[in-house]
Amino acid sequence: MKIKVLWVGKSRDPWVKDAIEEYAGRIRRYTPLELIDIRDEKGAAAEEMRRRECERLEKQIPPGATLILLDERGEQMDSSGLASFVGKQRDCGTGELIFVIGGAYGFSEEFRRRGTLLALSKMTFTHQMVRAFLLEQIYRAFTILNNEPYHH
């Protein structure tokens, strides 16, 4: 199973870039991983920005991929629950598992209906932080699935 993570906008903060590189390298020990920056939209109304960003995201999603959208209205799960979800996807033959972090205004309603919604927390984090947090949780999921001591 390949994992792809899409996010809108560039990772700017040095500490975020460092965390992304660190956890991406760790994840790649378990499975292929691709990280893709999608150009963010500027200077339009929020709904128009969402629509344009989601059109760009859509182009990166192949038919048959399993789509997980990070959204504040999504289901919350603990780390073991995420590990179980990832393990089930792997074991049932999912070819590509795609996690998506939207732009500053989130996803269009149409795009939101395309995938499973997942919330990392009830708290609000910057989009930059969410990138690092998501990758750390994906790495943690693989260590749980492999009975490694990282998660204790």
N, C-alpha and C. Protein backbone atom coordinates (compact mmCIF):
# COMPACT_ATOMS: atom_id res chain seq x y z
N MET A 1 0.84 -1.18 0.00
CA MET A 1 0.00 0.00 0.00
C MET A 1 0.89 1.24 0.00
N LYS A 2 0.54 2.17 -0.84
CA LYS A 2 1.24 3.46 -0.89
C LYS A 2 0.41 4.49 -0.14
N ILE A 3 1.09 5.37 0.57
CA ILE A 3 0.42 6.49 1.23
C ILE A 3 0.85 7.77 0.53
N LYS A 4 -0.15 8.59 0.26
CA LYS A 4 0.10 9.91 -0.32
C LYS A 4 -0.53 10.93 0.62
N VAL A 5 0.20 12.02 0.89
CA VAL A 5 -0.34 13.10 1.70
C VAL A 5 -0.32 14.36 0.85
N LEU A 6 -1.49 14.93 0.67
CA LEU A 6 -1.63 16.18 -0.08
C LEU A 6 -1.95 17.29 0.89
N TRP A 7 -1.35 18.45 0.67
CA TRP A 7 -1.72 19.62 1.47
C TRP A 7 -1.65 20.86 0.61
N VAL A 8 -2.49 21.81 1.00
CA VAL A 8 -2.58 23.06 0.26
C VAL A 8 -1.58 24.05 0.84
N GLY A 9 -0.74 24.61 -0.01
CA GLY A 9 0.26 25.58 0.41
C GLY A 9 1.60 24.93 0.69
N LYS A 10 2.60 25.76 0.77
CA LYS A 10 3.97 25.31 1.04
C LYS A 10 4.20 25.21 2.55
N SER A 11 5.11 24.33 2.93
CA SER A 11 5.55 24.27 4.32
C SER A 11 6.65 25.31 4.47
N ARG A 12 6.37 26.32 5.29
CA ARG A 12 7.29 27.46 5.38
C ARG A 12 8.20 27.43 6.61
N ASP A 13 7.64 27.07 7.74
CA ASP A 13 8.40 27.15 8.98
C ASP A 13 9.50 26.09 9.01
N PRO A 14 10.74 26.49 9.33
CA PRO A 14 11.84 25.51 9.34
C PRO A 14 11.58 24.31 10.25
N TRP A 15 11.02 24.53 11.42
CA TRP A 15 10.78 23.41 12.33
C TRP A 15 9.74 22.46 11.76
N VAL A 16 8.78 22.98 11.00
CA VAL A 16 7.79 22.11 10.36
C VAL A 16 8.46 21.29 9.27
N LYS A 17 9.29 21.94 8.46
CA LYS A 17 10.01 21.22 7.40
C LYS A 17 10.86 20.10 8.00
N ASP A 18 11.55 20.40 9.10
CA ASP A 18 12.39 19.39 9.76
C ASP A 18 11.54 18.21 10.25
N ALA A 19 10.39 18.51 10.87
CA ALA A 19 9.52 17.44 11.36
C ALA A 19 8.97 16.61 10.21
N ILE A 20 8.59 17.26 9.12
CA ILE A 20 8.08 16.55 7.95
C ILE A 20 9.15 15.61 7.42
N GLU A 21 10.36 16.11 7.26
CA GLU A 21 11.45 15.26 6.76
C GLU A 21 11.72 14.08 7.69
N GLU A 22 11.73 14.36 8.99
CA GLU A 22 12.00 13.30 9.97
C GLU A 22 10.96 12.20 9.90
N TYR A 23 9.68 12.56 9.99
CA TYR A 23 8.64 11.53 10.03
C TYR A 23 8.40 10.90 8.66
N ALA A 24 8.59 11.64 7.59
CA ALA A 24 8.48 11.05 6.26
C ALA A 24 9.53 9.95 6.09
N GLY A 25 10.75 10.22 6.53
CA GLY A 25 11.80 9.20 6.46
C GLY A 25 11.46 7.97 7.28
N ARG A 26 10.87 8.17 8.44
CA ARG A 26 10.49 7.04 9.29
C ARG A 26 9.37 6.22 8.65
N ILE A 27 8.37 6.91 8.08
CA ILE A 27 7.25 6.20 7.44
C ILE A 27 7.74 5.37 6.27
N ARG A 28 8.69 5.92 5.52
CA ARG A 28 9.18 5.23 4.31
C ARG A 28 9.89 3.91 4.64
N ARG A 29 10.21 3.66 5.89
CA ARG A 29 10.75 2.36 6.28
C ARG A 29 9.69 1.27 6.20
N TYR A 30 8.42 1.70 6.24
CA TYR A 30 7.31 0.75 6.26
C TYR A 30 6.54 0.68 4.94
N THR A 31 6.45 1.80 4.25
CA THR A 31 5.61 1.86 3.06
C THR A 31 6.03 3.03 2.18
N PRO A 32 5.78 2.96 0.89
CA PRO A 32 6.06 4.12 0.04
C PRO A 32 5.20 5.33 0.46
N LEU A 33 5.80 6.49 0.44
CA LEU A 33 5.12 7.72 0.85
C LEU A 33 5.43 8.82 -0.15
N GLU A 34 4.40 9.54 -0.54
CA GLU A 34 4.56 10.69 -1.42
C GLU A 34 3.89 11.89 -0.76
N LEU A 35 4.61 13.01 -0.71
CA LEU A 35 4.08 14.26 -0.16
C LEU A 35 3.94 15.26 -1.29
N ILE A 36 2.77 15.87 -1.40
CA ILE A 36 2.52 16.79 -2.51
C ILE A 36 1.94 18.10 -2.00
N ASP A 37 2.62 19.19 -2.37
CA ASP A 37 2.12 20.54 -2.10
C ASP A 37 1.19 20.94 -3.23
N ILE A 38 0.03 21.44 -2.89
CA ILE A 38 -0.92 21.96 -3.87
C ILE A 38 -0.94 23.48 -3.71
N ARG A 39 -0.84 24.18 -4.81
CA ARG A 39 -0.82 25.66 -4.76
C ARG A 39 -2.09 26.18 -4.09
N ASP A 40 -1.89 27.09 -3.14
CA ASP A 40 -3.04 27.70 -2.49
C ASP A 40 -3.57 28.86 -3.34
N GLU A 41 -4.82 29.18 -3.11
CA GLU A 41 -5.51 30.24 -3.85
C GLU A 41 -5.47 31.51 -3.02
N LYS A 42 -5.32 32.62 -3.69
CA LYS A 42 -5.29 33.91 -2.98
C LYS A 42 -6.21 34.89 -3.70
N GLY A 43 -6.73 35.86 -2.95
CA GLY A 43 -7.43 36.99 -3.54
C GLY A 43 -8.82 36.73 -4.05
N ALA A 44 -9.49 35.69 -3.56
CA ALA A 44 -10.87 35.43 -3.98
C ALA A 44 -11.71 35.23 -2.73
N ALA A 45 -13.01 35.16 -2.91
CA ALA A 45 -13.90 34.86 -1.80
C ALA A 45 -13.61 33.44 -1.30
N ALA A 46 -13.91 33.20 -0.04
CA ALA A 46 -13.59 31.90 0.58
C ALA A 46 -14.14 30.72 -0.21
N GLU A 47 -15.39 30.77 -0.64
CA GLU A 47 -15.98 29.65 -1.37
C GLU A 47 -15.26 29.41 -2.69
N GLU A 48 -14.87 30.47 -3.37
CA GLU A 48 -14.14 30.34 -4.63
C GLU A 48 -12.74 29.77 -4.40
N MET A 49 -12.09 30.18 -3.31
CA MET A 49 -10.77 29.63 -2.98
C MET A 49 -10.88 28.14 -2.71
N ARG A 50 -11.89 27.74 -1.93
CA ARG A 50 -12.10 26.31 -1.65
C ARG A 50 -12.31 25.53 -2.95
N ARG A 51 -13.16 26.05 -3.82
CA ARG A 51 -13.47 25.36 -5.07
C ARG A 51 -12.21 25.17 -5.92
N ARG A 52 -11.43 26.22 -6.08
CA ARG A 52 -10.22 26.14 -6.91
C ARG A 52 -9.18 25.20 -6.31
N GLU A 53 -8.99 25.29 -5.00
CA GLU A 53 -8.01 24.40 -4.34
C GLU A 53 -8.45 22.94 -4.45
N CYS A 54 -9.73 22.69 -4.29
CA CYS A 54 -10.23 21.32 -4.39
C CYS A 54 -10.11 20.78 -5.82
N GLU A 55 -10.26 21.63 -6.81
CA GLU A 55 -10.03 21.20 -8.20
C GLU A 55 -8.58 20.75 -8.38
N ARG A 56 -7.65 21.50 -7.79
CA ARG A 56 -6.23 21.12 -7.88
C ARG A 56 -5.97 19.81 -7.13
N LEU A 57 -6.58 19.66 -5.96
CA LEU A 57 -6.43 18.42 -5.19
C LEU A 57 -6.96 17.23 -5.99
N GLU A 58 -8.11 17.42 -6.58
CA GLU A 58 -8.78 16.35 -7.33
C GLU A 58 -7.86 15.75 -8.39
N LYS A 59 -7.04 16.56 -9.01
CA LYS A 59 -6.14 16.09 -10.07
C LYS A 59 -5.07 15.12 -9.55
N GLN A 60 -4.86 15.11 -8.25
CA GLN A 60 -3.83 14.24 -7.65
C GLN A 60 -4.40 12.93 -7.10
N ILE A 61 -5.69 12.72 -7.29
CA ILE A 61 -6.34 11.55 -6.69
C ILE A 61 -6.72 10.56 -7.79
N PRO A 62 -6.03 9.43 -7.86
CA PRO A 62 -6.36 8.45 -8.90
C PRO A 62 -7.65 7.70 -8.57
N PRO A 63 -8.31 7.18 -9.59
CA PRO A 63 -9.51 6.37 -9.34
C PRO A 63 -9.18 5.18 -8.43
N GLY A 64 -10.08 4.88 -7.53
CA GLY A 64 -9.90 3.73 -6.65
C GLY A 64 -9.12 4.00 -5.38
N ALA A 65 -8.54 5.18 -5.25
CA ALA A 65 -7.78 5.49 -4.03
C ALA A 65 -8.75 5.70 -2.87
N THR A 66 -8.31 5.38 -1.67
CA THR A 66 -9.08 5.65 -0.46
C THR A 66 -8.68 7.02 0.04
N LEU A 67 -9.66 7.88 0.24
CA LEU A 67 -9.43 9.29 0.53
C LEU A 67 -9.84 9.62 1.96
N ILE A 68 -8.90 10.19 2.72
CA ILE A 68 -9.14 10.62 4.10
C ILE A 68 -8.90 12.12 4.15
N LEU A 69 -9.94 12.87 4.51
CA LEU A 69 -9.84 14.33 4.55
C LEU A 69 -9.75 14.78 6.00
N LEU A 70 -8.72 15.54 6.33
CA LEU A 70 -8.62 16.08 7.67
C LEU A 70 -9.55 17.28 7.78
N ASP A 71 -10.52 17.16 8.68
CA ASP A 71 -11.60 18.13 8.77
C ASP A 71 -12.08 18.19 10.21
N GLU A 72 -12.34 19.37 10.69
CA GLU A 72 -12.75 19.52 12.09
C GLU A 72 -14.06 18.80 12.40
N ARG A 73 -14.86 18.51 11.38
CA ARG A 73 -16.13 17.80 11.58
C ARG A 73 -15.97 16.29 11.47
N GLY A 74 -14.75 15.83 11.28
CA GLY A 74 -14.51 14.41 11.07
C GLY A 74 -14.52 13.61 12.35
N GLU A 75 -14.42 12.31 12.17
CA GLU A 75 -14.35 11.38 13.29
C GLU A 75 -13.00 11.53 14.00
N GLN A 76 -13.05 11.49 15.31
CA GLN A 76 -11.80 11.48 16.08
C GLN A 76 -11.49 10.05 16.45
N MET A 77 -10.23 9.71 16.37
CA MET A 77 -9.81 8.39 16.82
C MET A 77 -8.49 8.53 17.55
N ASP A 78 -8.23 7.60 18.44
CA ASP A 78 -6.95 7.63 19.12
C ASP A 78 -5.90 6.98 18.21
N SER A 79 -4.66 6.96 18.67
CA SER A 79 -3.57 6.44 17.84
C SER A 79 -3.76 4.96 17.51
N SER A 80 -4.25 4.20 18.46
CA SER A 80 -4.50 2.77 18.19
C SER A 80 -5.62 2.61 17.16
N GLY A 81 -6.62 3.48 17.22
CA GLY A 81 -7.70 3.43 16.23
C GLY A 81 -7.20 3.76 14.84
N LEU A 82 -6.31 4.74 14.73
CA LEU A 82 -5.74 5.07 13.43
C LEU A 82 -4.89 3.89 12.93
N ALA A 83 -4.14 3.28 13.82
CA ALA A 83 -3.33 2.12 13.43
C ALA A 83 -4.23 1.00 12.91
N SER A 84 -5.33 0.75 13.59
CA SER A 84 -6.26 -0.28 13.16
C SER A 84 -6.83 0.06 11.78
N PHE A 85 -7.20 1.30 11.58
CA PHE A 85 -7.72 1.73 10.28
C PHE A 85 -6.69 1.53 9.17
N VAL A 86 -5.46 1.98 9.41
CA VAL A 86 -4.39 1.84 8.41
C VAL A 86 -4.12 0.35 8.15
N GLY A 87 -4.09 -0.45 9.22
CA GLY A 87 -3.86 -1.88 9.06
C GLY A 87 -4.96 -2.55 8.24
N LYS A 88 -6.21 -2.18 8.47
CA LYS A 88 -7.31 -2.75 7.70
C LYS A 88 -7.20 -2.37 6.23
N GLN A 89 -6.83 -1.11 5.98
CA GLN A 89 -6.66 -0.67 4.59
C GLN A 89 -5.55 -1.48 3.91
N ARG A 90 -4.46 -1.66 4.61
CA ARG A 90 -3.33 -2.43 4.08
C ARG A 90 -3.74 -3.87 3.81
N ASP A 91 -4.42 -4.46 4.80
CA ASP A 91 -4.76 -5.88 4.72
C ASP A 91 -5.86 -6.19 3.71
N CYS A 92 -6.71 -5.21 3.40
CA CYS A 92 -7.79 -5.48 2.44
C CYS A 92 -7.37 -5.12 1.02
N GLY A 93 -6.10 -4.75 0.84
CA GLY A 93 -5.58 -4.55 -0.51
C GLY A 93 -5.73 -3.15 -1.06
N THR A 94 -5.93 -2.17 -0.20
CA THR A 94 -5.98 -0.79 -0.68
C THR A 94 -4.65 -0.47 -1.36
N GLY A 95 -4.72 0.00 -2.58
CA GLY A 95 -3.50 0.31 -3.31
C GLY A 95 -2.90 1.64 -2.90
N GLU A 96 -3.77 2.62 -2.68
CA GLU A 96 -3.29 3.96 -2.34
C GLU A 96 -4.21 4.59 -1.31
N LEU A 97 -3.64 4.96 -0.18
CA LEU A 97 -4.34 5.64 0.90
C LEU A 97 -3.90 7.09 0.87
N ILE A 98 -4.85 8.00 0.66
CA ILE A 98 -4.51 9.42 0.49
C ILE A 98 -5.10 10.22 1.63
N PHE A 99 -4.24 10.94 2.34
CA PHE A 99 -4.65 11.88 3.38
C PHE A 99 -4.55 13.28 2.78
N VAL A 100 -5.56 14.12 3.07
CA VAL A 100 -5.59 15.47 2.49
C VAL A 100 -5.80 16.50 3.58
N ILE A 101 -4.93 17.51 3.58
CA ILE A 101 -5.05 18.67 4.47
C ILE A 101 -5.42 19.85 3.58
N GLY A 102 -6.59 20.42 3.81
CA GLY A 102 -7.09 21.50 2.98
C GLY A 102 -6.40 22.83 3.25
N GLY A 103 -6.86 23.84 2.56
CA GLY A 103 -6.33 25.19 2.72
C GLY A 103 -6.95 25.89 3.92
N ALA A 104 -6.71 27.18 4.02
CA ALA A 104 -7.16 27.96 5.16
C ALA A 104 -8.67 27.92 5.35
N TYR A 105 -9.42 27.74 4.28
CA TYR A 105 -10.88 27.69 4.37
C TYR A 105 -11.44 26.29 4.22
N GLY A 106 -10.59 25.29 4.27
CA GLY A 106 -11.06 23.91 4.23
C GLY A 106 -11.42 23.43 2.84
N PHE A 107 -12.38 22.51 2.79
CA PHE A 107 -12.78 21.85 1.55
C PHE A 107 -14.16 22.34 1.11
N SER A 108 -14.41 22.25 -0.18
CA SER A 108 -15.75 22.51 -0.68
C SER A 108 -16.66 21.37 -0.21
N GLU A 109 -17.95 21.62 -0.14
CA GLU A 109 -18.89 20.58 0.29
C GLU A 109 -18.85 19.38 -0.66
N GLU A 110 -18.74 19.64 -1.94
CA GLU A 110 -18.68 18.56 -2.93
C GLU A 110 -17.45 17.67 -2.68
N PHE A 111 -16.30 18.29 -2.46
CA PHE A 111 -15.07 17.53 -2.23
C PHE A 111 -15.16 16.78 -0.90
N ARG A 112 -15.73 17.41 0.10
CA ARG A 112 -15.85 16.80 1.43
C ARG A 112 -16.62 15.47 1.33
N ARG A 113 -17.59 15.38 0.45
CA ARG A 113 -18.39 14.16 0.30
C ARG A 113 -17.60 13.03 -0.37
N ARG A 114 -16.45 13.33 -0.93
CA ARG A 114 -15.64 12.33 -1.64
C ARG A 114 -14.90 11.37 -0.72
N GLY A 115 -14.66 11.80 0.51
CA GLY A 115 -13.81 10.97 1.36
C GLY A 115 -14.34 10.79 2.77
N THR A 116 -13.58 10.07 3.53
CA THR A 116 -13.84 9.88 4.95
C THR A 116 -13.24 11.06 5.70
N LEU A 117 -14.01 11.66 6.60
CA LEU A 117 -13.52 12.81 7.36
C LEU A 117 -12.87 12.36 8.66
N LEU A 118 -11.70 12.89 8.93
CA LEU A 118 -10.93 12.58 10.13
C LEU A 118 -10.52 13.87 10.80
N ALA A 119 -10.77 13.98 12.09
CA ALA A 119 -10.32 15.13 12.88
C ALA A 119 -9.17 14.69 13.77
N LEU A 120 -8.08 15.44 13.76
CA LEU A 120 -6.95 15.10 14.64
C LEU A 120 -7.26 15.44 16.09
N SER A 121 -8.09 16.46 16.30
CA SER A 121 -8.36 16.93 17.65
C SER A 121 -9.57 17.86 17.61
N LYS A 122 -10.15 18.11 18.77
CA LYS A 122 -11.19 19.13 18.86
C LYS A 122 -10.55 20.53 18.85
N MET A 123 -9.27 20.59 19.14
CA MET A 123 -8.56 21.86 19.13
C MET A 123 -8.25 22.27 17.70
N THR A 124 -8.00 23.55 17.52
CA THR A 124 -7.62 24.06 16.20
C THR A 124 -6.11 24.25 16.17
N PHE A 125 -5.48 23.75 15.10
CA PHE A 125 -4.04 23.90 14.90
C PHE A 125 -3.81 24.61 13.58
N THR A 126 -2.63 25.18 13.42
CA THR A 126 -2.30 25.77 12.13
C THR A 126 -2.13 24.64 11.12
N HIS A 127 -2.32 24.97 9.84
CA HIS A 127 -2.15 23.97 8.80
C HIS A 127 -0.71 23.47 8.77
N GLN A 128 0.21 24.32 9.14
CA GLN A 128 1.62 23.91 9.20
C GLN A 128 1.81 22.82 10.26
N MET A 129 1.26 23.04 11.45
CA MET A 129 1.41 22.06 12.53
C MET A 129 0.75 20.74 12.18
N VAL A 130 -0.42 20.81 11.56
CA VAL A 130 -1.16 19.59 11.24
C VAL A 130 -0.33 18.66 10.36
N ARG A 131 0.48 19.22 9.49
CA ARG A 131 1.32 18.40 8.62
C ARG A 131 2.24 17.52 9.45
N ALA A 132 2.92 18.13 10.41
CA ALA A 132 3.84 17.38 11.26
C ALA A 132 3.07 16.39 12.14
N PHE A 133 1.95 16.83 12.71
CA PHE A 133 1.17 15.96 13.58
C PHE A 133 0.64 14.74 12.82
N LEU A 134 0.13 14.95 11.62
CA LEU A 134 -0.40 13.84 10.83
C LEU A 134 0.69 12.82 10.51
N LEU A 135 1.84 13.30 10.06
CA LEU A 135 2.92 12.37 9.72
C LEU A 135 3.40 11.60 10.95
N GLU A 136 3.46 12.28 12.09
CA GLU A 136 3.87 11.58 13.31
C GLU A 136 2.85 10.49 13.64
N GLN A 137 1.58 10.76 13.47
CA GLN A 137 0.55 9.77 13.79
C GLN A 137 0.56 8.61 12.80
N ILE A 138 0.85 8.87 11.54
CA ILE A 138 0.97 7.78 10.57
C ILE A 138 2.16 6.89 10.94
N TYR A 139 3.27 7.52 11.30
CA TYR A 139 4.44 6.75 11.74
C TYR A 139 4.08 5.92 12.98
N ARG A 140 3.41 6.55 13.94
CA ARG A 140 3.03 5.85 15.16
C ARG A 140 2.13 4.65 14.82
N ALA A 141 1.23 4.84 13.87
CA ALA A 141 0.33 3.74 13.46
C ALA A 141 1.15 2.53 12.99
N PHE A 142 2.18 2.79 12.19
CA PHE A 142 3.00 1.66 11.71
C PHE A 142 3.79 1.01 12.84
N THR A 143 4.24 1.79 13.81
CA THR A 143 4.97 1.16 14.93
C THR A 143 4.02 0.32 15.77
N ILE A 144 2.77 0.77 15.92
CA ILE A 144 1.78 -0.03 16.64
C ILE A 144 1.51 -1.32 15.88
N LEU A 145 1.31 -1.22 14.57
CA LEU A 145 1.02 -2.41 13.76
C LEU A 145 2.16 -3.41 13.79
N ASN A 146 3.38 -2.93 14.01
CA ASN A 146 4.55 -3.80 14.03
C ASN A 146 5.02 -4.13 15.45
N ASN A 147 4.19 -3.81 16.43
CA ASN A 147 4.49 -4.10 17.85
C ASN A 147 5.84 -3.56 18.28
N GLU A 148 6.14 -2.35 17.83
CA GLU A 148 7.41 -1.71 18.20
C GLU A 148 7.19 -0.82 19.41
N PRO A 149 8.23 -0.53 20.18
CA PRO A 149 8.07 0.16 21.46
C PRO A 149 7.82 1.67 21.39
N TYR A 150 7.76 2.26 20.20
CA TYR A 150 7.57 3.72 20.10
C TYR A 150 6.31 4.17 20.83
N HIS A 151 5.22 3.44 20.66
CA HIS A 151 3.94 3.78 21.27
C HIS A 151 3.83 3.05 22.60
N HIS A 152 3.87 3.78 23.71
CA HIS A 152 3.71 3.13 25.01
C HIS A 152 2.98 4.03 25.98
